[in-house]
Amino acid sequence: MADLAAIWLEALPRVRTAVTGVGVWSALNACKPLAFEDGVLVMGLPHQDSELAGHLRMPLTKRLIESAFAERLGAPVSLRVIDGDSPADVEALRKRDVEARRLQVQSMEKMRAEMSAHSNWDSIYEQLSRRFAAVTTKSLPQNRARFLEEAIEIVAEARRNQRDYDEHGERSFARCIERVSHYADVPSALVAAEVLKRAGEL
């Protein structure tokens, strides 16, 4: 592992000569390199100097620091500035990153599940439309009754295969019930009751 402190001590004078401003100089003097992992250089500032972080993140300063370390490390460098300048602060950062990734994965999985549920119920919704379009002489109650029986079984089967019962899934389910209700001219609550009975929920 390269001696990051030694690299910074060597690079600091050159970086300072390329920038101006008391704030930038104060930030450069106060910060110190803490870790280099996966191409990311973590520079920390003491908690009492955290307000100086913005100076290090300015495009010119950031680029100068990255370039100085990249030359000596022989690899591309991306700068990340954190509040704190101890190993404990770096460890806390790693834990936050792990938790952030966990939440991101969880969010993506939830989104995929919602999209899948939405897609499945959309398919059922369209299937109901096609089945009703195929009904001959829709004005006859016996024909609507036949459609109703078939539609209830279609929705009940989809309900039995449903995996997520969140608000999105429930609204999509309800949308299909309302479509059957509208086509068959039957109250939606009665359609829902029959579907739920066949799905084993009532």
C-alpha atoms as a PDB file:
ATOM      1  CA  MET A   1       0.000   0.000   0.000  1.00  0.00           C
ATOM      2  CA  ALA A   2       1.381   3.392  -1.019  1.00  0.00           C
ATOM      3  CA  ASP A   3       2.200   5.870   1.723  1.00  0.00           C
ATOM      4  CA  LEU A   4      -0.613   8.317   1.056  1.00  0.00           C
ATOM      5  CA  ALA A   5       0.635  10.810   3.624  1.00  0.00           C
ATOM      6  CA  ALA A   6       4.071  10.920   1.959  1.00  0.00           C
ATOM      7  CA  ILE A   7       2.502  11.388  -1.476  1.00  0.00           C
ATOM      8  CA  TRP A   8       0.379  14.249  -0.182  1.00  0.00           C
ATOM      9  CA  LEU A   9       3.320  15.889   1.559  1.00  0.00           C
ATOM     10  CA  GLU A  10       5.203  15.839  -1.729  1.00  0.00           C
ATOM     11  CA  ALA A  11       2.263  16.980  -3.869  1.00  0.00           C
ATOM     12  CA  LEU A  12       0.850  19.669  -1.585  1.00  0.00           C
ATOM     13  CA  PRO A  13       3.282  22.494  -2.481  1.00  0.00           C
ATOM     14  CA  ARG A  14       2.584  22.090  -6.192  1.00  0.00           C
ATOM     15  CA  VAL A  15      -1.166  21.998  -5.674  1.00  0.00           C
ATOM     16  CA  ARG A  16      -1.013  25.124  -3.508  1.00  0.00           C
ATOM     17  CA  THR A  17       0.842  27.084  -6.197  1.00  0.00           C
ATOM     18  CA  ALA A  18      -1.940  26.334  -8.707  1.00  0.00           C
ATOM     19  CA  VAL A  19      -4.788  27.733  -6.614  1.00  0.00           C
ATOM     20  CA  THR A  20      -5.561  31.002  -4.898  1.00  0.00           C
ATOM     21  CA  GLY A  21      -7.661  32.004  -1.944  1.00  0.00           C
ATOM     22  CA  VAL A  22      -7.332  31.756   1.799  1.00  0.00           C
ATOM     23  CA  GLY A  23     -10.196  29.254   2.025  1.00  0.00           C
ATOM     24  CA  VAL A  24      -8.660  26.866  -0.496  1.00  0.00           C
ATOM     25  CA  TRP A  25      -5.235  27.057   1.147  1.00  0.00           C
ATOM     26  CA  SER A  26      -6.775  26.479   4.572  1.00  0.00           C
ATOM     27  CA  ALA A  27      -8.617  23.421   3.249  1.00  0.00           C
ATOM     28  CA  LEU A  28      -5.477  22.013   1.625  1.00  0.00           C
ATOM     29  CA  ASN A  29      -3.469  22.491   4.813  1.00  0.00           C
ATOM     30  CA  ALA A  30      -6.155  20.942   7.014  1.00  0.00           C
ATOM     31  CA  CYS A  31      -7.035  17.859   4.961  1.00  0.00           C
ATOM     32  CA  LYS A  32      -5.215  14.563   4.883  1.00  0.00           C
ATOM     33  CA  PRO A  33      -5.469  11.397   2.808  1.00  0.00           C
ATOM     34  CA  LEU A  34      -7.106   8.514   4.659  1.00  0.00           C
ATOM     35  CA  ALA A  35      -7.632   5.690   2.189  1.00  0.00           C
ATOM     36  CA  PHE A  36      -7.370   4.647  -1.443  1.00  0.00           C
ATOM     37  CA  GLU A  37      -9.691   1.853  -2.530  1.00  0.00           C
ATOM     38  CA  ASP A  38     -11.077   0.920  -5.952  1.00  0.00           C
ATOM     39  CA  GLY A  39      -9.739   4.104  -7.488  1.00  0.00           C
ATOM     40  CA  VAL A  40     -11.304   6.361  -4.851  1.00  0.00           C
ATOM     41  CA  LEU A  41      -9.067   8.587  -2.750  1.00  0.00           C
ATOM     42  CA  VAL A  42     -10.673   9.518   0.552  1.00  0.00           C
ATOM     43  CA  MET A  43      -9.466  12.829   1.963  1.00  0.00           C
ATOM     44  CA  GLY A  44     -10.643  13.856   5.400  1.00  0.00           C
ATOM     45  CA  LEU A  45     -11.012  17.168   7.182  1.00  0.00           C
ATOM     46  CA  PRO A  46     -11.108  17.568  10.961  1.00  0.00           C
ATOM     47  CA  HIS A  47     -14.672  17.960  12.185  1.00  0.00           C
ATOM     48  CA  GLN A  48     -14.021  21.555  13.200  1.00  0.00           C
ATOM     49  CA  ASP A  49     -12.941  22.350   9.626  1.00  0.00           C
ATOM     50  CA  SER A  50     -15.728  20.509   7.806  1.00  0.00           C
ATOM     51  CA  GLU A  51     -17.028  23.773   6.331  1.00  0.00           C
ATOM     52  CA  LEU A  52     -13.871  23.887   4.181  1.00  0.00           C
ATOM     53  CA  ALA A  53     -14.849  20.743   2.249  1.00  0.00           C
ATOM     54  CA  GLY A  54     -16.441  22.783  -0.531  1.00  0.00           C
ATOM     55  CA  HIS A  55     -13.059  24.251  -1.438  1.00  0.00           C
ATOM     56  CA  LEU A  56     -11.613  20.777  -2.017  1.00  0.00           C
ATOM     57  CA  ARG A  57     -14.581  19.764  -4.145  1.00  0.00           C
ATOM     58  CA  MET A  58     -14.210  22.717  -6.517  1.00  0.00           C
ATOM     59  CA  PRO A  59     -13.417  21.367 -10.022  1.00  0.00           C
ATOM     60  CA  LEU A  60      -9.927  22.872 -10.258  1.00  0.00           C
ATOM     61  CA  THR A  61      -8.801  21.834  -6.780  1.00  0.00           C
ATOM     62  CA  LYS A  62     -10.340  18.385  -7.113  1.00  0.00           C
ATOM     63  CA  ARG A  63      -8.644  17.846 -10.465  1.00  0.00           C
ATOM     64  CA  LEU A  64      -5.251  18.961  -9.149  1.00  0.00           C
ATOM     65  CA  ILE A  65      -5.421  16.587  -6.178  1.00  0.00           C
ATOM     66  CA  GLU A  66      -6.580  13.693  -8.349  1.00  0.00           C
ATOM     67  CA  SER A  67      -3.819  14.349 -10.883  1.00  0.00           C
ATOM     68  CA  ALA A  68      -1.116  14.583  -8.212  1.00  0.00           C
ATOM     69  CA  PHE A  69      -2.076  11.222  -6.698  1.00  0.00           C
ATOM     70  CA  ALA A  70      -2.704   9.560 -10.067  1.00  0.00           C
ATOM     71  CA  GLU A  71       0.867  10.345 -11.170  1.00  0.00           C
ATOM     72  CA  ARG A  72       2.352   8.753  -8.073  1.00  0.00           C
ATOM     73  CA  LEU A  73      -0.063   5.832  -7.748  1.00  0.00           C
ATOM     74  CA  GLY A  74      -0.009   4.977 -11.428  1.00  0.00           C
ATOM     75  CA  ALA A  75      -3.777   4.658 -11.581  1.00  0.00           C
ATOM     76  CA  PRO A  76      -6.812   6.900 -12.162  1.00  0.00           C
ATOM     77  CA  VAL A  77      -7.980   8.632  -8.983  1.00  0.00           C
ATOM     78  CA  SER A  78     -11.377   9.978  -7.992  1.00  0.00           C
ATOM     79  CA  LEU A  79     -11.434  12.263  -4.955  1.00  0.00           C
ATOM     80  CA  ARG A  80     -13.959  11.902  -2.162  1.00  0.00           C
ATOM     81  CA  VAL A  81     -13.921  14.382   0.723  1.00  0.00           C
ATOM     82  CA  ILE A  82     -15.388  13.373   4.079  1.00  0.00           C
ATOM     83  CA  ASP A  83     -16.061  14.973   7.427  1.00  0.00           C
ATOM     84  CA  GLY A  84     -13.476  13.533   9.827  1.00  0.00           C
ATOM     85  CA  ASP A  85      -9.826  12.602   9.606  1.00  0.00           C
ATOM     86  CA  SER A  86      -9.437   9.375  11.570  1.00  0.00           C
ATOM     87  CA  PRO A  87      -9.572   5.658  10.700  1.00  0.00           C
ATOM     88  CA  ALA A  88     -12.840   5.500  12.648  1.00  0.00           C
ATOM     89  CA  ASP A  89     -14.322   8.089  10.273  1.00  0.00           C
ATOM     90  CA  VAL A  90     -13.285   5.968   7.291  1.00  0.00           C
ATOM     91  CA  GLU A  91     -14.837   2.875   8.854  1.00  0.00           C
ATOM     92  CA  ALA A  92     -18.055   4.807   9.523  1.00  0.00           C
ATOM     93  CA  LEU A  93     -18.033   5.859   5.867  1.00  0.00           C
ATOM     94  CA  ARG A  94     -17.683   2.238   4.737  1.00  0.00           C
ATOM     95  CA  LYS A  95     -20.617   1.197   6.899  1.00  0.00           C
ATOM     96  CA  ARG A  96     -22.754   4.009   5.492  1.00  0.00           C
ATOM     97  CA  ASP A  97     -21.811   2.973   1.965  1.00  0.00           C
ATOM     98  CA  VAL A  98     -22.721  -0.660   2.661  1.00  0.00           C
ATOM     99  CA  GLU A  99     -26.074   0.402   4.090  1.00  0.00           C
ATOM    100  CA  ALA A 100     -26.700   2.747   1.152  1.00  0.00           C
ATOM    101  CA  ARG A 101     -25.983  -0.083  -1.304  1.00  0.00           C
ATOM    102  CA  ARG A 102     -28.267  -2.418   0.653  1.00  0.00           C
ATOM    103  CA  LEU A 103     -31.094   0.112   0.527  1.00  0.00           C
ATOM    104  CA  GLN A 104     -30.467   0.706  -3.160  1.00  0.00           C
ATOM    105  CA  VAL A 105     -30.639  -3.030  -3.927  1.00  0.00           C
ATOM    106  CA  GLN A 106     -33.772  -3.314  -1.790  1.00  0.00           C
ATOM    107  CA  SER A 107     -35.336  -0.388  -3.631  1.00  0.00           C
ATOM    108  CA  MET A 108     -34.456  -1.869  -7.028  1.00  0.00           C
ATOM    109  CA  GLU A 109     -35.882  -5.259  -6.056  1.00  0.00           C
ATOM    110  CA  LYS A 110     -39.086  -3.605  -4.862  1.00  0.00           C
ATOM    111  CA  MET A 111     -39.326  -1.593  -8.080  1.00  0.00           C
ATOM    112  CA  ARG A 112     -38.795  -4.719 -10.195  1.00  0.00           C
ATOM    113  CA  ALA A 113     -41.458  -6.565  -8.189  1.00  0.00           C
ATOM    114  CA  GLU A 114     -43.884  -3.671  -8.639  1.00  0.00           C
ATOM    115  CA  MET A 115     -43.176  -3.544 -12.369  1.00  0.00           C
ATOM    116  CA  SER A 116     -43.665  -7.288 -12.619  1.00  0.00           C
ATOM    117  CA  ALA A 117     -46.927  -7.155 -10.655  1.00  0.00           C
ATOM    118  CA  HIS A 118     -48.089  -4.208 -12.740  1.00  0.00           C
ATOM    119  CA  SER A 119     -47.201  -6.079 -15.942  1.00  0.00           C
ATOM    120  CA  ASN A 120     -49.025  -9.227 -14.782  1.00  0.00           C
ATOM    121  CA  TRP A 121     -52.191  -7.361 -13.852  1.00  0.00           C
ATOM    122  CA  ASP A 122     -51.995  -5.335 -17.071  1.00  0.00           C
ATOM    123  CA  SER A 123     -51.944  -8.624 -18.940  1.00  0.00           C
ATOM    124  CA  ILE A 124     -55.028  -9.828 -17.036  1.00  0.00           C
ATOM    125  CA  TYR A 125     -56.747  -6.486 -17.670  1.00  0.00           C
ATOM    126  CA  GLU A 126     -56.176  -6.805 -21.408  1.00  0.00           C
ATOM    127  CA  GLN A 127     -57.188 -10.466 -21.380  1.00  0.00           C
ATOM    128  CA  LEU A 128     -60.526  -9.524 -19.812  1.00  0.00           C
ATOM    129  CA  SER A 129     -61.068  -6.947 -22.550  1.00  0.00           C
ATOM    130  CA  ARG A 130     -60.388  -9.512 -25.257  1.00  0.00           C
ATOM    131  CA  ARG A 131     -62.671 -12.096 -23.645  1.00  0.00           C
ATOM    132  CA  PHE A 132     -65.522  -9.617 -23.372  1.00  0.00           C
ATOM    133  CA  ALA A 133     -64.993  -8.433 -26.952  1.00  0.00           C
ATOM    134  CA  ALA A 134     -65.483 -12.043 -28.057  1.00  0.00           C
ATOM    135  CA  VAL A 135     -68.855 -12.341 -26.294  1.00  0.00           C
ATOM    136  CA  THR A 136     -71.723 -12.473 -28.775  1.00  0.00           C
ATOM    137  CA  THR A 137     -74.974 -10.611 -28.095  1.00  0.00           C
ATOM    138  CA  LYS A 138     -73.645  -8.866 -24.993  1.00  0.00           C
ATOM    139  CA  SER A 139     -77.105  -7.558 -24.125  1.00  0.00           C
ATOM    140  CA  LEU A 140     -78.269 -11.046 -23.110  1.00  0.00           C
ATOM    141  CA  PRO A 141     -77.788 -11.650 -19.381  1.00  0.00           C
ATOM    142  CA  GLN A 142     -76.950 -15.320 -19.887  1.00  0.00           C
ATOM    143  CA  ASN A 143     -74.019 -14.382 -22.123  1.00  0.00           C
ATOM    144  CA  ARG A 144     -72.770 -11.832 -19.617  1.00  0.00           C
ATOM    145  CA  ALA A 145     -73.131 -14.496 -16.910  1.00  0.00           C
ATOM    146  CA  ARG A 146     -70.918 -16.863 -18.868  1.00  0.00           C
ATOM    147  CA  PHE A 147     -68.361 -14.095 -19.276  1.00  0.00           C
ATOM    148  CA  LEU A 148     -68.614 -13.287 -15.557  1.00  0.00           C
ATOM    149  CA  GLU A 149     -67.901 -16.887 -14.560  1.00  0.00           C
ATOM    150  CA  GLU A 150     -64.879 -17.084 -16.834  1.00  0.00           C
ATOM    151  CA  ALA A 151     -63.589 -13.638 -15.814  1.00  0.00           C
ATOM    152  CA  ILE A 152     -63.855 -14.392 -12.103  1.00  0.00           C
ATOM    153  CA  GLU A 153     -61.815 -17.561 -12.566  1.00  0.00           C
ATOM    154  CA  ILE A 154     -59.166 -15.681 -14.583  1.00  0.00           C
ATOM    155  CA  VAL A 155     -58.789 -12.993 -11.903  1.00  0.00           C
ATOM    156  CA  ALA A 156     -58.894 -15.532  -9.066  1.00  0.00           C
ATOM    157  CA  GLU A 157     -56.106 -17.559 -10.684  1.00  0.00           C
ATOM    158  CA  ALA A 158     -53.978 -14.420 -11.039  1.00  0.00           C
ATOM    159  CA  ARG A 159     -54.708 -13.549  -7.420  1.00  0.00           C
ATOM    160  CA  ARG A 160     -53.575 -16.984  -6.246  1.00  0.00           C
ATOM    161  CA  ASN A 161     -50.278 -16.432  -8.060  1.00  0.00           C
ATOM    162  CA  GLN A 162     -49.802 -12.904  -6.729  1.00  0.00           C
ATOM    163  CA  ARG A 163     -46.641 -12.513  -4.654  1.00  0.00           C
ATOM    164  CA  ASP A 164     -46.739  -8.896  -3.501  1.00  0.00           C
ATOM    165  CA  TYR A 165     -49.716  -7.436  -1.696  1.00  0.00           C
ATOM    166  CA  ASP A 166     -48.505  -3.854  -1.471  1.00  0.00           C
ATOM    167  CA  GLU A 167     -50.655  -0.861  -2.374  1.00  0.00           C
ATOM    168  CA  HIS A 168     -49.583  -0.921  -6.006  1.00  0.00           C
ATOM    169  CA  GLY A 169     -50.472  -4.596  -6.406  1.00  0.00           C
ATOM    170  CA  GLU A 170     -53.804  -4.145  -4.632  1.00  0.00           C
ATOM    171  CA  ARG A 171     -54.762  -1.210  -6.842  1.00  0.00           C
ATOM    172  CA  SER A 172     -53.936  -3.201  -9.970  1.00  0.00           C
ATOM    173  CA  PHE A 173     -56.003  -6.113  -8.640  1.00  0.00           C
ATOM    174  CA  ALA A 174     -58.913  -3.760  -7.905  1.00  0.00           C
ATOM    175  CA  ARG A 175     -58.674  -2.316 -11.411  1.00  0.00           C
ATOM    176  CA  CYS A 176     -59.283  -5.765 -12.882  1.00  0.00           C
ATOM    177  CA  ILE A 177     -62.239  -6.332 -10.558  1.00  0.00           C
ATOM    178  CA  GLU A 178     -63.749  -3.013 -11.642  1.00  0.00           C
ATOM    179  CA  ARG A 179     -63.379  -4.022 -15.277  1.00  0.00           C
ATOM    180  CA  VAL A 180     -65.244  -7.287 -14.711  1.00  0.00           C
ATOM    181  CA  SER A 181     -67.880  -5.394 -12.751  1.00  0.00           C
ATOM    182  CA  HIS A 182     -68.356  -2.891 -15.561  1.00  0.00           C
ATOM    183  CA  TYR A 183     -68.539  -5.500 -18.316  1.00  0.00           C
ATOM    184  CA  ALA A 184     -70.857  -7.897 -16.467  1.00  0.00           C
ATOM    185  CA  ASP A 185     -72.983  -5.136 -14.920  1.00  0.00           C
ATOM    186  CA  VAL A 186     -72.480  -6.578 -11.436  1.00  0.00           C
ATOM    187  CA  PRO A 187     -71.475  -4.594  -8.284  1.00  0.00           C
ATOM    188  CA  SER A 188     -67.705  -4.623  -7.865  1.00  0.00           C
ATOM    189  CA  ALA A 189     -67.937  -5.726  -4.227  1.00  0.00           C
ATOM    190  CA  LEU A 190     -69.770  -8.898  -5.282  1.00  0.00           C
ATOM    191  CA  VAL A 191     -67.172  -9.611  -7.966  1.00  0.00           C
ATOM    192  CA  ALA A 192     -64.400  -9.059  -5.422  1.00  0.00           C
ATOM    193  CA  ALA A 193     -66.088 -11.350  -2.896  1.00  0.00           C
ATOM    194  CA  GLU A 194     -66.377 -14.183  -5.405  1.00  0.00           C
ATOM    195  CA  VAL A 195     -62.768 -13.735  -6.570  1.00  0.00           C
ATOM    196  CA  LEU A 196     -61.452 -13.740  -3.006  1.00  0.00           C
ATOM    197  CA  LYS A 197     -63.467 -16.857  -2.137  1.00  0.00           C
ATOM    198  CA  ARG A 198     -61.999 -18.735  -5.073  1.00  0.00           C
ATOM    199  CA  ALA A 199     -58.545 -17.451  -4.209  1.00  0.00           C
ATOM    200  CA  GLY A 200     -58.949 -18.804  -0.674  1.00  0.00           C
ATOM    201  CA  GLU A 201     -58.989 -15.427   1.054  1.00  0.00           C
ATOM    202  CA  LEU A 202     -62.639 -15.454   2.185  1.00  0.00           C
END
